[in-house]
Amino acid sequence: KPAMQCAQWLKSYFHKHTTITYPPVCLSISKKGSFTEKVWKTLPEKVQFGECISYGKLAELCGNQNASRAVGAAMKTNPIMILMPCHRVIQSSGELGNYHGGTRNSVKVWLLKHEGAIE
């Protein structure tokens, strides 16, 4: 069932349905109660299709306004790109920043264009 939910979510995402429900995602690879887990739960709840948020603002939403680097570390170690929308997290200057540790920056640009967040 989770695989089917993920497949349906991907279909909705690529058809640009902006109000789609995230499938249950297993966060067991992060330590229970960790800041990374909090970031991974907060991001898809608070940042919608076509929106961006800065590392600092996401840190603030997670309860620690001084943890923008920890947010960056959580984004870098995200094992489920697209489902966990780390591509929506950008620098406070408005620059896009890196995606998946800088190894997939062109994917970040494509995803943000697909969502209409950038031109």
Protein backbone atom coordinates (compact mmCIF):
# COMPACT_ATOMS: atom_id res chain seq x y z
CA LYS A 1 0.00 0.00 0.00
CA PRO A 2 2.73 2.61 0.77
CA ALA A 3 4.29 2.02 -2.66
CA MET A 4 0.94 2.64 -4.33
CA GLN A 5 0.46 5.81 -2.28
CA CYS A 6 3.90 7.03 -3.36
CA ALA A 7 3.13 6.24 -7.00
CA GLN A 8 -0.15 8.16 -6.77
CA TRP A 9 1.61 11.08 -5.11
CA LEU A 10 4.24 11.19 -7.88
CA LYS A 11 1.53 11.10 -10.54
CA SER A 12 -0.27 14.00 -8.86
CA TYR A 13 2.97 15.93 -8.41
CA PHE A 14 3.99 15.67 -12.05
CA HIS A 15 0.48 16.66 -13.15
CA LYS A 16 0.99 19.81 -11.04
CA HIS A 17 -1.82 19.17 -8.59
CA THR A 18 -0.98 21.74 -5.94
CA THR A 19 -3.08 20.26 -3.15
CA ILE A 20 -1.82 16.73 -2.78
CA THR A 21 -1.53 14.76 0.41
CA TYR A 22 1.91 13.41 1.20
CA PRO A 23 2.10 9.65 1.54
CA PRO A 24 3.29 8.31 4.88
CA VAL A 25 7.06 8.44 4.74
CA CYS A 26 9.25 6.31 6.95
CA LEU A 27 11.63 8.54 8.87
CA SER A 28 13.20 5.66 10.76
CA ILE A 29 16.64 6.48 9.43
CA SER A 30 16.71 9.62 11.56
CA LYS A 31 17.06 9.36 15.30
CA LYS A 32 13.64 9.55 16.95
CA GLY A 33 13.14 13.02 18.37
CA SER A 34 16.14 14.47 16.52
CA PHE A 35 16.22 17.91 14.95
CA THR A 36 16.56 16.26 11.52
CA GLU A 37 13.33 14.35 12.10
CA LYS A 38 11.61 17.60 13.11
CA VAL A 39 12.88 19.32 9.94
CA TRP A 40 11.72 16.43 7.75
CA LYS A 41 8.25 16.52 9.33
CA THR A 42 7.90 20.32 9.28
CA LEU A 43 9.02 20.97 5.71
CA PRO A 44 6.24 19.15 3.81
CA GLU A 45 3.63 20.35 6.30
CA LYS A 46 4.51 24.05 6.08
CA VAL A 47 5.98 24.63 2.60
CA GLN A 48 3.54 23.96 -0.20
CA PHE A 49 3.91 23.26 -3.92
CA GLY A 50 5.36 26.37 -5.59
CA GLU A 51 6.65 27.92 -2.36
CA CYS A 52 10.18 28.35 -1.07
CA ILE A 53 11.53 28.90 2.42
CA SER A 54 14.96 29.90 3.69
CA TYR A 55 17.09 27.61 5.81
CA GLY A 56 16.78 30.11 8.67
CA LYS A 57 13.00 30.40 8.46
CA LEU A 58 12.64 26.61 8.41
CA ALA A 59 14.92 26.41 11.45
CA GLU A 60 12.65 28.94 13.18
CA LEU A 61 9.54 26.89 12.31
CA CYS A 62 11.30 23.89 13.84
CA GLY A 63 11.85 25.75 17.10
CA ASN A 64 15.48 26.86 16.79
CA GLN A 65 16.07 30.07 14.85
CA ASN A 66 19.85 29.61 15.09
CA ALA A 67 19.89 26.18 13.46
CA SER A 68 20.01 27.07 9.76
CA ARG A 69 23.17 24.97 9.29
CA ALA A 70 21.46 22.00 10.93
CA VAL A 71 18.57 22.45 8.48
CA GLY A 72 21.15 22.40 5.67
CA ALA A 73 22.61 19.18 7.04
CA ALA A 74 19.13 17.62 7.17
CA MET A 75 18.52 18.66 3.57
CA LYS A 76 21.88 17.26 2.45
CA THR A 77 21.12 13.85 3.96
CA ASN A 78 17.55 13.63 2.66
CA PRO A 79 17.19 10.07 1.30
CA ILE A 80 13.88 10.63 -0.46
CA MET A 81 14.29 13.56 -2.84
CA ILE A 82 11.09 15.02 -4.30
CA LEU A 83 8.87 13.33 -1.67
CA MET A 84 10.75 15.28 0.98
CA PRO A 85 10.76 18.66 -0.79
CA CYS A 86 14.21 19.89 0.19
CA HIS A 87 14.39 21.58 -3.22
CA ARG A 88 12.09 24.26 -1.75
CA VAL A 89 14.68 25.33 0.83
CA ILE A 90 16.80 28.24 -0.38
CA GLN A 91 19.29 30.73 0.99
CA SER A 92 18.02 33.83 2.80
CA SER A 93 19.56 35.94 0.01
CA GLY A 94 17.16 34.34 -2.46
CA GLU A 95 19.91 32.29 -4.10
CA LEU A 96 18.86 28.70 -4.65
CA GLY A 97 21.79 27.07 -2.89
CA ASN A 98 22.82 23.48 -3.40
CA TYR A 99 20.64 20.42 -3.82
CA HIS A 100 21.57 17.06 -2.37
CA GLY A 101 25.00 18.29 -1.31
CA GLY A 102 25.58 20.12 -4.59
CA THR A 103 25.42 16.98 -6.72
CA ARG A 104 21.95 17.61 -8.17
CA ASN A 105 21.64 21.39 -8.54
CA SER A 106 20.11 21.15 -12.03
CA VAL A 107 17.38 18.91 -10.57
CA LYS A 108 16.58 21.57 -7.95
CA VAL A 109 16.21 24.19 -10.68
CA TRP A 110 13.97 21.89 -12.74
CA LEU A 111 11.74 21.05 -9.76
CA LEU A 112 11.33 24.70 -8.76
CA LYS A 113 10.49 25.63 -12.36
CA HIS A 114 8.01 22.73 -12.54
CA GLU A 115 6.31 24.06 -9.41
CA GLY A 116 6.31 27.64 -10.69
CA ALA A 117 8.48 28.87 -7.83
CA ILE A 118 11.04 30.30 -10.27
CA GLU A 119 11.04 31.15 -13.97
